[in-house]
């Protein structure tokens, strides 16, 4: 009995990969083996990047809170220690937004925490 090969499925798989490789430079966009490797590596980077994004934003928020707290004579660690002791339910994302875009509201938060 002759061997049966599902060309429809394999072609569809190749088509999907080549679609993802659009815009790549050189042979990475039109040669199957090179494109497949490039797309696989790109998907790995995308997966890793989704994890790194969370870390990067947290560190950005910490820097912004630190800058805002130092304007009011406190370090970041002192400020966050007081925030955690008080009953304030504000996370770092909100505190960073207040420190950057609404300094008067951040000043009120600092005053409430200092009590």
Protein backbone atom coordinates (compact mmCIF):
# COMPACT_ATOMS: atom_id res chain seq x y z
CA UNK A 1 0.00 0.00 0.00
CA UNK A 2 1.40 3.41 -0.88
CA UNK A 3 2.38 5.83 1.84
CA UNK A 4 -0.20 8.49 2.56
CA UNK A 5 1.04 12.02 3.20
CA UNK A 6 -1.23 14.81 4.32
CA UNK A 7 0.00 17.60 2.07
CA UNK A 8 -2.89 19.85 2.99
CA UNK A 9 -1.94 19.98 6.67
CA UNK A 10 1.80 20.30 6.10
CA UNK A 11 1.27 23.06 3.54
CA UNK A 12 -1.03 24.89 5.95
CA UNK A 13 1.61 24.63 8.67
CA UNK A 14 4.25 26.01 6.34
CA UNK A 15 1.92 28.78 5.22
CA UNK A 16 1.30 29.85 8.84
CA UNK A 17 5.02 30.01 9.59
CA UNK A 18 5.77 31.94 6.40
CA UNK A 19 2.97 34.35 7.29
CA UNK A 20 4.63 34.98 10.66
CA UNK A 21 8.00 35.51 8.92
CA UNK A 22 6.67 38.38 6.78
CA UNK A 23 8.81 41.47 7.21
CA UNK A 24 11.94 39.58 8.22
CA UNK A 25 15.22 40.45 6.48
CA UNK A 26 16.88 38.35 3.78
CA UNK A 27 16.25 34.63 3.50
CA UNK A 28 14.47 34.59 6.84
CA UNK A 29 11.30 35.73 5.08
CA UNK A 30 11.12 33.31 2.14
CA UNK A 31 13.24 30.19 2.74
CA UNK A 32 11.33 27.57 4.72
CA UNK A 33 14.07 26.21 7.00
CA UNK A 34 15.54 29.62 7.78
CA UNK A 35 12.11 31.17 8.31
CA UNK A 36 11.00 28.32 10.57
CA UNK A 37 14.04 28.79 12.83
CA UNK A 38 13.62 32.57 12.88
CA UNK A 39 9.92 32.36 13.73
CA UNK A 40 10.52 29.80 16.49
CA UNK A 41 13.20 32.01 18.02
CA UNK A 42 10.95 35.04 17.69
CA UNK A 43 8.13 33.26 19.50
CA UNK A 44 10.53 32.33 22.30
CA UNK A 45 11.56 35.99 22.62
CA UNK A 46 7.90 37.03 22.64
CA UNK A 47 7.14 34.60 25.46
CA UNK A 48 10.13 35.78 27.50
CA UNK A 49 9.26 39.41 26.78
CA UNK A 50 5.78 39.03 28.22
CA UNK A 51 7.38 38.01 31.52
CA UNK A 52 10.03 40.75 31.40
CA UNK A 53 7.40 43.41 30.72
CA UNK A 54 5.91 42.89 34.18
CA UNK A 55 9.34 43.23 35.82
CA UNK A 56 10.22 46.32 33.82
CA UNK A 57 6.99 48.10 34.69
CA UNK A 58 7.35 47.30 38.39
CA UNK A 59 10.86 48.76 38.43
CA UNK A 60 9.61 51.84 36.56
CA UNK A 61 6.84 52.34 39.12
CA UNK A 62 9.36 51.99 41.95
CA UNK A 63 11.60 54.65 40.38
CA UNK A 64 8.68 57.05 40.00
CA UNK A 65 7.47 56.51 43.56
CA UNK A 66 11.03 56.97 44.82
CA UNK A 67 11.35 60.29 42.97
CA UNK A 68 8.00 61.48 44.32
CA UNK A 69 8.79 60.39 47.87
CA UNK A 70 12.19 62.10 47.86
CA UNK A 71 10.51 65.40 46.95
CA UNK A 72 8.77 65.08 50.31
CA UNK A 73 11.87 64.11 52.27
CA UNK A 74 11.50 60.33 52.36
CA UNK A 75 13.17 57.41 50.68
CA UNK A 76 11.20 54.80 48.74
CA UNK A 77 11.65 52.15 51.43
CA UNK A 78 10.53 54.50 54.22
CA UNK A 79 7.49 55.57 52.22
CA UNK A 80 6.43 52.03 51.27
CA UNK A 81 6.96 50.88 54.84
CA UNK A 82 4.56 53.55 56.05
CA UNK A 83 2.09 52.79 53.25
CA UNK A 84 2.03 49.12 54.25
CA UNK A 85 1.56 49.98 57.93
CA UNK A 86 -1.33 52.33 57.15
CA UNK A 87 -4.66 51.13 55.78
CA UNK A 88 -4.00 52.56 52.31
CA UNK A 89 -5.05 50.15 49.57
CA UNK A 90 -2.97 51.70 46.78
CA UNK A 91 -0.64 49.55 44.72
CA UNK A 92 2.63 50.68 43.13
CA UNK A 93 1.02 51.30 39.75
CA UNK A 94 -1.48 53.78 41.21
CA UNK A 95 1.11 55.42 43.47
CA UNK A 96 3.48 55.89 40.51
CA UNK A 97 0.69 57.45 38.45
CA UNK A 98 -0.15 59.83 41.30
CA UNK A 99 3.51 60.74 41.79
CA UNK A 100 4.00 61.52 38.13
CA UNK A 101 0.71 62.99 36.93
CA UNK A 102 -1.00 64.26 40.09
CA UNK A 103 1.67 65.60 42.48
CA UNK A 104 -0.87 67.32 44.74
CA UNK A 105 -2.73 64.03 45.26
CA UNK A 106 0.57 62.26 45.95
CA UNK A 107 1.42 64.96 48.49
CA UNK A 108 -1.89 64.21 50.23
CA UNK A 109 -1.03 60.50 50.26
CA UNK A 110 2.37 61.27 51.82
CA UNK A 111 0.70 63.47 54.43
CA UNK A 112 -1.85 60.78 55.25
CA UNK A 113 0.88 58.16 55.59
CA UNK A 114 3.11 60.34 57.81
CA UNK A 115 0.40 60.66 60.49
